[in-house]
Amino acid sequence: MSNTETSAAATSPAGRPIICPTLHHTGALTNRVDEMAEWYGNVLGMRVVLRSGNSGGVGVNSVYVTNDDAHHRHGFQCPPGGLESDPEAVRRYARIGHYAWEYDSLEDLLLSWERIKEEHGIEPAGCVDHGVSFAFYYKDPDNNTVELLCDAYGDHAESLRQMEDPRMVTNPMGRYVDPAKLLAEHRNGATLADLHQRSMAGEFEPEVTPDATKLF
């Protein structure tokens, strides 16, 4: 598979094709380099591929991790002297709201939710059927939002069609869901289409509704 693709829909004002690159990795500045690497290992299966106490020759403490064959998918860096801490910064300042990783199936997402909860005691801040995807939102040690998701149709072409439907604007958030209820019904033989339909009807809503303003 190529790392870049040319889309007929992506053209410049001059009519030239825009070559669309694939997102390769993300990076974060943090005081918790090792804690972050461990958390992403537990949640996303990231393994450390490089650890450096003098990255760039200027004393930056760095850890690089990956969960596939790429040389790294995430990096954590702490500059000399560390960083100032402001617990409310993620709510007060412009920023990237979240990072998202996609599973191939709802089963993979639900089994990962179960493993992460049972083995590490980490639970999502909220879980949603957005109408186009099932999305579970977690908070890493720095309170960054990590979204784990799967396509609600098992088909990107169909979920894109649904996203572009003008009716989507009436409820872009979708419905909150309880992963335990979804997993139980999945194990009882419910299909993806059935679970999606029932989720959007509100059948799997959690007992406590998450605060949407704190998810992102």
N, C-alpha and C. Protein backbone atom coordinates (compact mmCIF):
# COMPACT_ATOMS: atom_id res chain seq x y z
N MET A 1 0.84 -1.20 0.00
CA MET A 1 0.00 0.00 0.00
C MET A 1 0.87 1.24 0.00
N SER A 2 0.58 2.19 -0.85
CA SER A 2 1.36 3.40 -0.95
C SER A 2 1.12 4.30 0.25
N ASN A 3 2.17 5.05 0.65
CA ASN A 3 2.03 5.99 1.74
C ASN A 3 1.34 7.28 1.31
N THR A 4 1.19 7.48 0.03
CA THR A 4 0.48 8.65 -0.47
C THR A 4 -0.53 8.23 -1.51
N GLU A 5 -1.59 9.00 -1.63
CA GLU A 5 -2.62 8.71 -2.60
C GLU A 5 -3.03 10.00 -3.30
N THR A 6 -3.45 9.88 -4.53
CA THR A 6 -3.97 11.02 -5.26
C THR A 6 -5.46 10.86 -5.41
N SER A 7 -6.24 11.81 -4.91
CA SER A 7 -7.69 11.74 -4.97
C SER A 7 -8.20 12.68 -6.05
N ALA A 8 -9.15 12.19 -6.83
CA ALA A 8 -9.74 13.03 -7.87
C ALA A 8 -10.45 14.24 -7.27
N ALA A 9 -10.88 14.10 -6.01
CA ALA A 9 -11.60 15.19 -5.35
C ALA A 9 -10.65 16.21 -4.75
N ALA A 10 -9.35 15.88 -4.69
CA ALA A 10 -8.38 16.78 -4.08
C ALA A 10 -7.57 17.46 -5.17
N THR A 11 -7.97 18.66 -5.52
CA THR A 11 -7.26 19.44 -6.53
C THR A 11 -7.05 20.85 -6.03
N SER A 12 -5.97 21.46 -6.49
CA SER A 12 -5.65 22.83 -6.10
C SER A 12 -6.52 23.80 -6.89
N PRO A 13 -6.57 25.09 -6.49
CA PRO A 13 -7.32 26.08 -7.26
C PRO A 13 -6.89 26.15 -8.72
N ALA A 14 -5.63 25.77 -8.98
CA ALA A 14 -5.13 25.78 -10.35
C ALA A 14 -5.45 24.49 -11.09
N GLY A 15 -6.14 23.56 -10.41
CA GLY A 15 -6.53 22.33 -11.07
C GLY A 15 -5.51 21.22 -10.99
N ARG A 16 -4.44 21.44 -10.22
CA ARG A 16 -3.40 20.42 -10.09
C ARG A 16 -3.80 19.43 -9.00
N PRO A 17 -3.47 18.15 -9.15
CA PRO A 17 -3.82 17.16 -8.12
C PRO A 17 -3.04 17.42 -6.83
N ILE A 18 -3.73 17.27 -5.70
CA ILE A 18 -3.09 17.37 -4.40
C ILE A 18 -2.80 15.96 -3.92
N ILE A 19 -1.53 15.63 -3.77
CA ILE A 19 -1.15 14.31 -3.29
C ILE A 19 -1.39 14.27 -1.78
N CYS A 20 -2.24 13.35 -1.34
CA CYS A 20 -2.68 13.30 0.06
C CYS A 20 -1.81 12.33 0.85
N PRO A 21 -0.97 12.82 1.76
CA PRO A 21 -0.15 11.91 2.55
C PRO A 21 -0.96 11.23 3.65
N THR A 22 -0.43 10.14 4.16
CA THR A 22 -1.03 9.41 5.27
C THR A 22 -0.41 9.87 6.58
N LEU A 23 -1.22 10.08 7.61
CA LEU A 23 -0.69 10.43 8.92
C LEU A 23 0.25 9.34 9.39
N HIS A 24 1.47 9.72 9.74
CA HIS A 24 2.49 8.74 10.12
C HIS A 24 2.70 8.64 11.62
N HIS A 25 2.88 9.77 12.28
CA HIS A 25 3.09 9.73 13.73
C HIS A 25 2.69 11.05 14.36
N THR A 26 2.55 11.02 15.67
CA THR A 26 2.26 12.22 16.45
C THR A 26 3.34 12.36 17.52
N GLY A 27 3.44 13.55 18.06
CA GLY A 27 4.43 13.81 19.10
C GLY A 27 3.83 14.64 20.21
N ALA A 28 4.33 14.44 21.41
CA ALA A 28 3.81 15.18 22.55
C ALA A 28 4.96 15.64 23.45
N LEU A 29 4.86 16.86 23.95
CA LEU A 29 5.78 17.35 24.97
C LEU A 29 5.17 17.05 26.33
N THR A 30 5.96 16.48 27.22
CA THR A 30 5.41 16.01 28.49
C THR A 30 6.49 15.94 29.55
N ASN A 31 6.09 16.06 30.80
CA ASN A 31 6.99 15.79 31.92
C ASN A 31 6.99 14.32 32.30
N ARG A 32 6.07 13.55 31.70
CA ARG A 32 5.86 12.14 32.08
C ARG A 32 6.25 11.21 30.93
N VAL A 33 7.45 11.32 30.45
CA VAL A 33 7.88 10.56 29.27
C VAL A 33 7.69 9.06 29.48
N ASP A 34 8.21 8.53 30.57
CA ASP A 34 8.13 7.09 30.79
C ASP A 34 6.70 6.64 31.11
N GLU A 35 5.98 7.44 31.88
CA GLU A 35 4.59 7.11 32.21
C GLU A 35 3.72 7.09 30.96
N MET A 36 3.97 8.06 30.08
CA MET A 36 3.20 8.12 28.84
C MET A 36 3.51 6.91 27.97
N ALA A 37 4.79 6.56 27.86
CA ALA A 37 5.16 5.40 27.04
C ALA A 37 4.51 4.13 27.58
N GLU A 38 4.47 3.99 28.91
CA GLU A 38 3.84 2.81 29.49
C GLU A 38 2.33 2.80 29.22
N TRP A 39 1.67 3.96 29.37
CA TRP A 39 0.23 4.03 29.15
C TRP A 39 -0.12 3.68 27.70
N TYR A 40 0.62 4.25 26.76
CA TYR A 40 0.33 3.95 25.35
C TYR A 40 0.66 2.51 25.00
N GLY A 41 1.61 1.93 25.74
CA GLY A 41 1.88 0.51 25.56
C GLY A 41 0.72 -0.33 26.04
N ASN A 42 0.18 0.02 27.21
CA ASN A 42 -0.93 -0.74 27.77
C ASN A 42 -2.20 -0.60 26.94
N VAL A 43 -2.47 0.60 26.45
CA VAL A 43 -3.73 0.87 25.76
C VAL A 43 -3.66 0.54 24.27
N LEU A 44 -2.58 0.92 23.61
CA LEU A 44 -2.50 0.80 22.15
C LEU A 44 -1.48 -0.24 21.68
N GLY A 45 -0.83 -0.91 22.63
CA GLY A 45 0.15 -1.91 22.22
C GLY A 45 1.42 -1.30 21.69
N MET A 46 1.73 -0.06 22.05
CA MET A 46 2.95 0.58 21.60
C MET A 46 4.16 0.00 22.34
N ARG A 47 5.25 -0.25 21.61
CA ARG A 47 6.49 -0.71 22.22
C ARG A 47 7.57 0.34 21.99
N VAL A 48 8.48 0.45 22.92
CA VAL A 48 9.57 1.43 22.81
C VAL A 48 10.59 0.94 21.78
N VAL A 49 10.89 1.80 20.81
CA VAL A 49 11.90 1.47 19.80
C VAL A 49 13.17 2.30 19.99
N LEU A 50 13.07 3.42 20.69
CA LEU A 50 14.24 4.25 20.94
C LEU A 50 14.00 5.09 22.18
N ARG A 51 15.01 5.14 23.03
CA ARG A 51 14.97 5.98 24.23
C ARG A 51 16.26 6.78 24.25
N SER A 52 16.13 8.10 24.39
CA SER A 52 17.31 8.96 24.35
C SER A 52 17.23 10.02 25.43
N GLY A 53 18.31 10.16 26.17
CA GLY A 53 18.36 11.21 27.19
C GLY A 53 18.99 12.48 26.69
N ASN A 54 19.35 12.51 25.40
CA ASN A 54 20.01 13.71 24.86
C ASN A 54 19.60 13.93 23.42
N SER A 55 18.30 13.84 23.15
CA SER A 55 17.80 13.96 21.79
C SER A 55 18.16 15.32 21.20
N GLY A 56 18.68 15.30 20.01
CA GLY A 56 19.08 16.54 19.34
C GLY A 56 20.34 17.15 19.91
N GLY A 57 20.98 16.45 20.84
CA GLY A 57 22.21 16.97 21.43
C GLY A 57 22.00 18.11 22.40
N VAL A 58 20.75 18.31 22.83
CA VAL A 58 20.46 19.44 23.72
C VAL A 58 19.80 18.98 25.01
N GLY A 59 19.95 17.71 25.36
CA GLY A 59 19.45 17.22 26.63
C GLY A 59 17.97 16.96 26.70
N VAL A 60 17.31 16.77 25.56
CA VAL A 60 15.88 16.47 25.56
C VAL A 60 15.68 14.98 25.83
N ASN A 61 14.88 14.67 26.83
CA ASN A 61 14.56 13.29 27.16
C ASN A 61 13.46 12.81 26.23
N SER A 62 13.73 11.78 25.44
CA SER A 62 12.79 11.35 24.41
C SER A 62 12.57 9.84 24.43
N VAL A 63 11.33 9.45 24.14
CA VAL A 63 10.99 8.04 23.94
C VAL A 63 10.13 7.95 22.69
N TYR A 64 10.45 7.01 21.81
CA TYR A 64 9.70 6.81 20.58
C TYR A 64 9.09 5.41 20.60
N VAL A 65 7.82 5.31 20.22
CA VAL A 65 7.10 4.04 20.31
C VAL A 65 6.37 3.75 19.00
N THR A 66 6.10 2.46 18.78
CA THR A 66 5.34 2.04 17.60
C THR A 66 4.51 0.82 17.95
N ASN A 67 3.44 0.57 17.17
CA ASN A 67 2.67 -0.67 17.33
C ASN A 67 2.49 -1.38 16.00
N ASP A 68 3.35 -1.06 15.03
CA ASP A 68 3.34 -1.77 13.75
C ASP A 68 4.76 -1.76 13.20
N ASP A 69 4.91 -1.80 11.86
CA ASP A 69 6.25 -1.87 11.30
C ASP A 69 6.85 -0.51 10.98
N ALA A 70 6.17 0.58 11.33
CA ALA A 70 6.74 1.92 11.15
C ALA A 70 7.81 2.16 12.21
N HIS A 71 8.81 3.00 11.89
CA HIS A 71 9.90 3.19 12.85
C HIS A 71 9.42 3.87 14.13
N HIS A 72 8.37 4.70 14.04
CA HIS A 72 7.67 5.14 15.25
C HIS A 72 6.33 5.73 14.86
N ARG A 73 5.37 5.61 15.79
CA ARG A 73 4.03 6.17 15.59
C ARG A 73 3.72 7.28 16.59
N HIS A 74 4.53 7.37 17.64
CA HIS A 74 4.35 8.44 18.61
C HIS A 74 5.69 8.71 19.28
N GLY A 75 5.90 9.97 19.63
CA GLY A 75 7.11 10.35 20.34
C GLY A 75 6.75 11.21 21.56
N PHE A 76 7.51 11.03 22.63
CA PHE A 76 7.30 11.81 23.85
C PHE A 76 8.63 12.49 24.19
N GLN A 77 8.58 13.80 24.37
CA GLN A 77 9.78 14.55 24.65
C GLN A 77 9.60 15.47 25.85
N CYS A 78 10.64 15.53 26.68
CA CYS A 78 10.66 16.46 27.80
C CYS A 78 11.91 17.32 27.66
N PRO A 79 11.76 18.64 27.50
CA PRO A 79 12.93 19.51 27.33
C PRO A 79 13.69 19.68 28.64
N PRO A 80 14.92 20.14 28.57
CA PRO A 80 15.69 20.36 29.80
C PRO A 80 14.95 21.29 30.76
N GLY A 81 14.91 20.93 32.02
CA GLY A 81 14.22 21.76 33.00
C GLY A 81 12.74 21.45 33.11
N GLY A 82 12.23 20.62 32.21
CA GLY A 82 10.82 20.24 32.28
C GLY A 82 9.87 21.31 31.77
N LEU A 83 8.59 21.06 31.93
CA LEU A 83 7.55 21.94 31.42
C LEU A 83 6.70 22.47 32.56
N GLU A 84 6.12 23.64 32.36
CA GLU A 84 5.17 24.16 33.34
C GLU A 84 3.89 23.33 33.28
N SER A 85 3.26 23.17 34.43
CA SER A 85 2.04 22.37 34.49
C SER A 85 0.84 23.25 34.77
N ASP A 86 -0.20 23.09 33.96
CA ASP A 86 -1.45 23.81 34.15
C ASP A 86 -2.59 22.83 33.88
N PRO A 87 -3.18 22.26 34.94
CA PRO A 87 -4.23 21.25 34.75
C PRO A 87 -5.40 21.73 33.91
N GLU A 88 -5.64 23.03 33.88
CA GLU A 88 -6.78 23.55 33.13
C GLU A 88 -6.43 23.96 31.71
N ALA A 89 -5.14 23.79 31.33
CA ALA A 89 -4.71 24.27 30.02
C ALA A 89 -5.49 23.62 28.88
N VAL A 90 -5.79 22.31 29.04
CA VAL A 90 -6.46 21.62 27.95
C VAL A 90 -7.88 22.14 27.75
N ARG A 91 -8.43 22.85 28.73
CA ARG A 91 -9.78 23.39 28.59
C ARG A 91 -9.77 24.87 28.20
N ARG A 92 -8.64 25.54 28.45
CA ARG A 92 -8.61 27.00 28.30
C ARG A 92 -7.94 27.46 27.01
N TYR A 93 -7.10 26.63 26.40
CA TYR A 93 -6.29 27.08 25.28
C TYR A 93 -6.61 26.32 24.00
N ALA A 94 -6.38 27.00 22.87
CA ALA A 94 -6.53 26.33 21.58
C ALA A 94 -5.51 25.19 21.50
N ARG A 95 -5.95 24.06 20.92
CA ARG A 95 -5.10 22.88 20.91
C ARG A 95 -5.68 21.84 19.96
N ILE A 96 -4.96 20.76 19.75
CA ILE A 96 -5.53 19.59 19.09
C ILE A 96 -6.38 18.88 20.13
N GLY A 97 -7.64 18.62 19.79
CA GLY A 97 -8.57 18.09 20.78
C GLY A 97 -8.37 16.63 21.11
N HIS A 98 -7.98 15.81 20.13
CA HIS A 98 -7.78 14.39 20.42
C HIS A 98 -7.05 13.71 19.27
N TYR A 99 -6.53 12.55 19.56
CA TYR A 99 -5.95 11.67 18.56
C TYR A 99 -6.79 10.41 18.50
N ALA A 100 -6.94 9.83 17.32
CA ALA A 100 -7.83 8.68 17.17
C ALA A 100 -7.12 7.53 16.48
N TRP A 101 -7.39 6.32 16.98
CA TRP A 101 -6.88 5.09 16.38
C TRP A 101 -8.07 4.20 16.04
N GLU A 102 -8.02 3.59 14.86
CA GLU A 102 -9.16 2.82 14.37
C GLU A 102 -8.89 1.32 14.39
N TYR A 103 -9.88 0.56 14.88
CA TYR A 103 -9.85 -0.89 14.82
C TYR A 103 -10.59 -1.37 13.58
N ASP A 104 -10.30 -2.61 13.17
CA ASP A 104 -10.94 -3.17 11.98
C ASP A 104 -12.40 -3.54 12.22
N SER A 105 -12.77 -3.75 13.48
CA SER A 105 -14.13 -4.22 13.75
C SER A 105 -14.58 -3.77 15.13
N LEU A 106 -15.90 -3.81 15.34
CA LEU A 106 -16.46 -3.51 16.66
C LEU A 106 -15.99 -4.55 17.67
N GLU A 107 -15.88 -5.79 17.25
CA GLU A 107 -15.39 -6.82 18.16
C GLU A 107 -14.00 -6.48 18.69
N ASP A 108 -13.11 -6.04 17.81
CA ASP A 108 -11.76 -5.66 18.24
C ASP A 108 -11.80 -4.50 19.24
N LEU A 109 -12.66 -3.52 18.98
CA LEU A 109 -12.80 -2.38 19.88
C LEU A 109 -13.31 -2.83 21.25
N LEU A 110 -14.35 -3.67 21.26
CA LEU A 110 -14.94 -4.10 22.52
C LEU A 110 -13.99 -5.01 23.31
N LEU A 111 -13.31 -5.91 22.63
CA LEU A 111 -12.37 -6.78 23.33
C LEU A 111 -11.20 -5.98 23.88
N SER A 112 -10.79 -4.94 23.17
CA SER A 112 -9.73 -4.07 23.67
C SER A 112 -10.20 -3.28 24.89
N TRP A 113 -11.44 -2.78 24.83
CA TRP A 113 -12.01 -2.10 26.01
C TRP A 113 -11.98 -3.03 27.22
N GLU A 114 -12.38 -4.29 27.02
CA GLU A 114 -12.43 -5.25 28.12
C GLU A 114 -11.03 -5.52 28.66
N ARG A 115 -10.07 -5.72 27.77
CA ARG A 115 -8.69 -6.00 28.20
C ARG A 115 -8.10 -4.82 28.96
N ILE A 116 -8.26 -3.62 28.41
CA ILE A 116 -7.68 -2.42 29.03
C ILE A 116 -8.26 -2.19 30.42
N LYS A 117 -9.57 -2.43 30.56
CA LYS A 117 -10.23 -2.25 31.85
C LYS A 117 -9.78 -3.31 32.85
N GLU A 118 -9.80 -4.57 32.44
CA GLU A 118 -9.53 -5.67 33.36
C GLU A 118 -8.05 -5.78 33.72
N GLU A 119 -7.15 -5.51 32.77
CA GLU A 119 -5.73 -5.69 33.04
C GLU A 119 -5.07 -4.44 33.62
N HIS A 120 -5.61 -3.26 33.28
CA HIS A 120 -4.93 -2.03 33.69
C HIS A 120 -5.81 -1.06 34.47
N GLY A 121 -7.08 -1.38 34.62
CA GLY A 121 -7.97 -0.49 35.37
C GLY A 121 -8.23 0.84 34.70
N ILE A 122 -8.01 0.90 33.40
CA ILE A 122 -8.22 2.13 32.64
C ILE A 122 -9.57 2.07 31.95
N GLU A 123 -10.41 3.05 32.20
CA GLU A 123 -11.73 3.09 31.60
C GLU A 123 -11.92 4.37 30.79
N PRO A 124 -12.72 4.34 29.74
CA PRO A 124 -12.95 5.54 28.94
C PRO A 124 -13.74 6.59 29.69
N ALA A 125 -13.52 7.84 29.32
CA ALA A 125 -14.29 8.95 29.89
C ALA A 125 -15.70 8.97 29.33
N GLY A 126 -15.87 8.38 28.16
CA GLY A 126 -17.19 8.31 27.53
C GLY A 126 -17.12 7.48 26.27
N CYS A 127 -18.25 6.84 25.92
CA CYS A 127 -18.32 6.00 24.72
C CYS A 127 -19.56 6.41 23.92
N VAL A 128 -19.40 6.50 22.60
CA VAL A 128 -20.44 7.06 21.76
C VAL A 128 -20.59 6.27 20.48
N ASP A 129 -21.83 6.13 20.01
CA ASP A 129 -22.07 5.76 18.62
C ASP A 129 -22.37 7.07 17.90
N HIS A 130 -21.42 7.55 17.12
CA HIS A 130 -21.56 8.85 16.46
C HIS A 130 -22.46 8.80 15.23
N GLY A 131 -22.97 7.64 14.92
CA GLY A 131 -23.76 7.50 13.70
C GLY A 131 -22.93 7.01 12.54
N VAL A 132 -21.63 7.28 12.59
CA VAL A 132 -20.71 6.79 11.56
C VAL A 132 -19.61 5.93 12.16
N SER A 133 -19.42 6.03 13.46
CA SER A 133 -18.39 5.24 14.13
C SER A 133 -18.75 5.04 15.60
N PHE A 134 -18.31 3.92 16.14
CA PHE A 134 -18.32 3.73 17.58
C PHE A 134 -17.00 4.28 18.10
N ALA A 135 -17.05 5.17 19.08
CA ALA A 135 -15.85 5.86 19.55
C ALA A 135 -15.78 5.84 21.07
N PHE A 136 -14.66 5.35 21.59
CA PHE A 136 -14.43 5.30 23.03
C PHE A 136 -13.30 6.29 23.34
N TYR A 137 -13.57 7.23 24.24
CA TYR A 137 -12.64 8.32 24.53
C TYR A 137 -11.92 8.09 25.86
N TYR A 138 -10.60 8.02 25.80
CA TYR A 138 -9.77 7.80 26.97
C TYR A 138 -8.94 9.06 27.26
N LYS A 139 -8.44 9.17 28.50
CA LYS A 139 -7.54 10.25 28.89
C LYS A 139 -6.18 9.66 29.25
N ASP A 140 -5.13 10.14 28.58
CA ASP A 140 -3.79 9.66 28.90
C ASP A 140 -3.27 10.38 30.16
N PRO A 141 -2.07 10.06 30.64
CA PRO A 141 -1.59 10.66 31.89
C PRO A 141 -1.51 12.18 31.88
N ASP A 142 -1.42 12.80 30.71
CA ASP A 142 -1.40 14.26 30.63
C ASP A 142 -2.78 14.85 30.34
N ASN A 143 -3.80 14.01 30.40
CA ASN A 143 -5.18 14.42 30.16
C ASN A 143 -5.47 14.72 28.69
N ASN A 144 -4.61 14.25 27.80
CA ASN A 144 -4.91 14.32 26.37
C ASN A 144 -5.97 13.27 26.06
N THR A 145 -6.82 13.55 25.10
CA THR A 145 -7.87 12.60 24.74
C THR A 145 -7.39 11.66 23.64
N VAL A 146 -7.54 10.38 23.89
CA VAL A 146 -7.21 9.33 22.92
C VAL A 146 -8.50 8.62 22.55
N GLU A 147 -8.86 8.69 21.29
CA GLU A 147 -10.09 8.05 20.81
C GLU A 147 -9.77 6.72 20.15
N LEU A 148 -10.44 5.67 20.61
CA LEU A 148 -10.37 4.36 19.97
C LEU A 148 -11.69 4.13 19.27
N LEU A 149 -11.66 3.78 17.98
CA LEU A 149 -12.90 3.74 17.22
C LEU A 149 -12.94 2.58 16.25
N CYS A 150 -14.14 2.33 15.74
CA CYS A 150 -14.33 1.44 14.61
C CYS A 150 -15.47 2.00 13.76
N ASP A 151 -15.48 1.67 12.50
CA ASP A 151 -16.52 2.14 11.60
C ASP A 151 -17.85 1.49 11.96
N ALA A 152 -18.91 2.29 12.02
CA ALA A 152 -20.23 1.77 12.41
C ALA A 152 -20.87 0.93 11.32
N TYR A 153 -20.31 0.99 10.12
CA TYR A 153 -20.87 0.21 9.01
C TYR A 153 -19.89 -0.86 8.52
N GLY A 154 -18.66 -0.82 9.03
CA GLY A 154 -17.65 -1.74 8.52
C GLY A 154 -17.27 -1.42 7.10
N ASP A 155 -17.51 -0.17 6.69
CA ASP A 155 -17.32 0.22 5.29
C ASP A 155 -17.11 1.74 5.24
N HIS A 156 -15.89 2.18 4.95
CA HIS A 156 -15.61 3.61 4.93
C HIS A 156 -16.44 4.36 3.90
N ALA A 157 -16.71 3.74 2.79
CA ALA A 157 -17.49 4.40 1.75
C ALA A 157 -18.91 4.71 2.26
N GLU A 158 -19.49 3.75 2.98
CA GLU A 158 -20.84 3.97 3.50
C GLU A 158 -20.85 4.98 4.63
N SER A 159 -19.88 4.92 5.54
CA SER A 159 -19.87 5.89 6.64
C SER A 159 -19.59 7.30 6.12
N LEU A 160 -18.79 7.41 5.05
CA LEU A 160 -18.58 8.73 4.44
C LEU A 160 -19.87 9.24 3.82
N ARG A 161 -20.61 8.36 3.17
CA ARG A 161 -21.89 8.76 2.58
C ARG A 161 -22.84 9.25 3.67
N GLN A 162 -22.86 8.55 4.80
CA GLN A 162 -23.71 8.95 5.91
C GLN A 162 -23.26 10.29 6.49
N MET A 163 -21.95 10.49 6.58
CA MET A 163 -21.41 11.74 7.13
C MET A 163 -21.78 12.93 6.27
N GLU A 164 -21.86 12.71 4.97
CA GLU A 164 -22.18 13.79 4.03
C GLU A 164 -23.68 14.01 3.88
N ASP A 165 -24.50 13.15 4.47
CA ASP A 165 -25.95 13.32 4.42
C ASP A 165 -26.34 14.56 5.22
N PRO A 166 -27.10 15.51 4.65
CA PRO A 166 -27.48 16.73 5.37
C PRO A 166 -28.18 16.47 6.70
N ARG A 167 -28.81 15.31 6.84
CA ARG A 167 -29.49 15.00 8.10
C ARG A 167 -28.53 14.77 9.26
N MET A 168 -27.26 14.53 8.95
CA MET A 168 -26.26 14.29 9.98
C MET A 168 -26.12 15.49 10.91
N VAL A 169 -26.37 16.68 10.40
CA VAL A 169 -26.18 17.89 11.19
C VAL A 169 -27.16 17.98 12.36
N THR A 170 -28.27 17.25 12.28
CA THR A 170 -29.26 17.32 13.36
C THR A 170 -28.78 16.62 14.62
N ASN A 171 -27.85 15.67 14.48
CA ASN A 171 -27.33 14.97 15.66
C ASN A 171 -25.93 14.45 15.39
N PRO A 172 -24.94 15.33 15.25
CA PRO A 172 -23.59 14.89 14.92
C PRO A 172 -22.91 14.11 16.04
N MET A 173 -23.39 14.30 17.26
CA MET A 173 -22.78 13.59 18.39
C MET A 173 -23.22 12.14 18.44
N GLY A 174 -24.47 11.85 18.09
CA GLY A 174 -24.98 10.48 18.15
C GLY A 174 -25.54 10.16 19.51
N ARG A 175 -25.33 8.91 19.97
CA ARG A 175 -25.87 8.46 21.25
C ARG A 175 -24.76 7.82 22.09
N TYR A 176 -24.77 8.11 23.38
CA TYR A 176 -23.83 7.47 24.28
C TYR A 176 -24.16 5.98 24.42
N VAL A 177 -23.13 5.16 24.61
CA VAL A 177 -23.32 3.73 24.74
C VAL A 177 -22.52 3.19 25.92
N ASP A 178 -23.00 2.07 26.45
CA ASP A 178 -22.31 1.35 27.52
C ASP A 178 -21.59 0.16 26.88
N PRO A 179 -20.26 0.14 26.90
CA PRO A 179 -19.53 -0.96 26.24
C PRO A 179 -19.90 -2.34 26.76
N ALA A 180 -20.17 -2.44 28.08
CA ALA A 180 -20.52 -3.75 28.64
C ALA A 180 -21.79 -4.29 28.02
N LYS A 181 -22.78 -3.42 27.80
CA LYS A 181 -24.03 -3.84 27.17
C LYS A 181 -23.80 -4.25 25.72
N LEU A 182 -22.98 -3.49 25.02
CA LEU A 182 -22.67 -3.82 23.63
C LEU A 182 -21.96 -5.17 23.54
N LEU A 183 -20.98 -5.38 24.41
CA LEU A 183 -20.21 -6.62 24.36
C LEU A 183 -21.10 -7.82 24.67
N ALA A 184 -22.00 -7.67 25.64
CA ALA A 184 -22.90 -8.77 25.98
C ALA A 184 -23.77 -9.14 24.79
N GLU A 185 -24.32 -8.14 24.10
CA GLU A 185 -25.17 -8.42 22.95
C GLU A 185 -24.37 -8.96 21.78
N HIS A 186 -23.14 -8.48 21.63
CA HIS A 186 -22.26 -9.02 20.58
C HIS A 186 -22.02 -10.50 20.82
N ARG A 187 -21.78 -10.87 22.08
CA ARG A 187 -21.53 -12.26 22.41
C ARG A 187 -22.79 -13.11 22.28
N ASN A 188 -23.94 -12.45 22.30
CA ASN A 188 -25.20 -13.16 22.09
C ASN A 188 -25.53 -13.31 20.60
N GLY A 189 -24.63 -12.81 19.74
CA GLY A 189 -24.80 -13.00 18.31
C GLY A 189 -25.31 -11.81 17.53
N ALA A 190 -25.47 -10.65 18.19
CA ALA A 190 -25.95 -9.47 17.47
C ALA A 190 -24.94 -9.02 16.43
N THR A 191 -25.42 -8.62 15.27
CA THR A 191 -24.54 -8.17 14.19
C THR A 191 -24.17 -6.71 14.38
N LEU A 192 -23.18 -6.25 13.63
CA LEU A 192 -22.78 -4.85 13.66
C LEU A 192 -23.96 -3.95 13.30
N ALA A 193 -24.69 -4.29 12.25
CA ALA A 193 -25.83 -3.47 11.82
C ALA A 193 -26.89 -3.40 12.91
N ASP A 194 -27.13 -4.52 13.56
CA ASP A 194 -28.12 -4.57 14.64
C ASP A 194 -27.68 -3.72 15.82
N LEU A 195 -26.44 -3.85 16.22
CA LEU A 195 -25.93 -3.08 17.36
C LEU A 195 -25.92 -1.59 17.06
N HIS A 196 -25.58 -1.24 15.84
CA HIS A 196 -25.58 0.18 15.45
C HIS A 196 -27.01 0.75 15.50
N GLN A 197 -27.93 0.02 14.94
CA GLN A 197 -29.33 0.48 14.93
C GLN A 197 -29.87 0.63 16.35
N ARG A 198 -29.60 -0.34 17.19
CA ARG A 198 -30.09 -0.30 18.56
C ARG A 198 -29.38 0.77 19.38
N SER A 199 -28.11 1.00 19.09
CA SER A 199 -27.38 2.07 19.78
C SER A 199 -27.99 3.42 19.47
N MET A 200 -28.27 3.66 18.20
CA MET A 200 -28.83 4.95 17.80
C MET A 200 -30.26 5.13 18.30
N ALA A 201 -30.90 4.02 18.67
CA ALA A 201 -32.24 4.09 19.25
C ALA A 201 -32.18 4.32 20.76
N GLY A 202 -30.97 4.32 21.32
CA GLY A 202 -30.80 4.60 22.74
C GLY A 202 -30.85 3.39 23.64
N GLU A 203 -30.81 2.18 23.07
CA GLU A 203 -30.96 0.97 23.88
C GLU A 203 -29.77 0.72 24.81
N PHE A 204 -28.57 1.18 24.41
CA PHE A 204 -27.37 0.85 25.18
C PHE A 204 -26.81 2.05 25.94
N GLU A 205 -27.63 3.04 26.22
CA GLU A 205 -27.14 4.23 26.92
C GLU A 205 -26.66 3.87 28.33
N PRO A 206 -25.59 4.52 28.79
CA PRO A 206 -25.06 4.25 30.13
C PRO A 206 -25.97 4.84 31.21
N GLU A 207 -25.79 4.37 32.45
CA GLU A 207 -26.58 4.87 33.55
C GLU A 207 -26.27 6.34 33.84
N VAL A 208 -25.01 6.72 33.67
CA VAL A 208 -24.59 8.11 33.87
C VAL A 208 -24.11 8.67 32.54
N THR A 209 -24.69 9.79 32.12
CA THR A 209 -24.33 10.41 30.85
C THR A 209 -23.04 11.19 31.02
N PRO A 210 -22.01 10.91 30.21
CA PRO A 210 -20.75 11.65 30.32
C PRO A 210 -20.92 13.13 30.00
N ASP A 211 -20.01 13.95 30.52
CA ASP A 211 -19.98 15.37 30.21
C ASP A 211 -19.24 15.55 28.90
N ALA A 212 -19.96 15.88 27.85
CA ALA A 212 -19.36 15.97 26.50
C ALA A 212 -18.26 17.02 26.44
N THR A 213 -18.33 18.06 27.26
CA THR A 213 -17.32 19.11 27.23
C THR A 213 -15.97 18.63 27.75
N LYS A 214 -15.96 17.48 28.45
CA LYS A 214 -14.71 16.97 29.00
C LYS A 214 -14.15 15.80 28.21
N LEU A 215 -14.85 15.40 27.16
CA LEU A 215 -14.35 14.29 26.34
C LEU A 215 -13.19 14.71 25.46
N PHE A 216 -13.26 15.93 24.92
CA PHE A 216 -12.28 16.35 23.94
C PHE A 216 -11.30 17.36 24.49
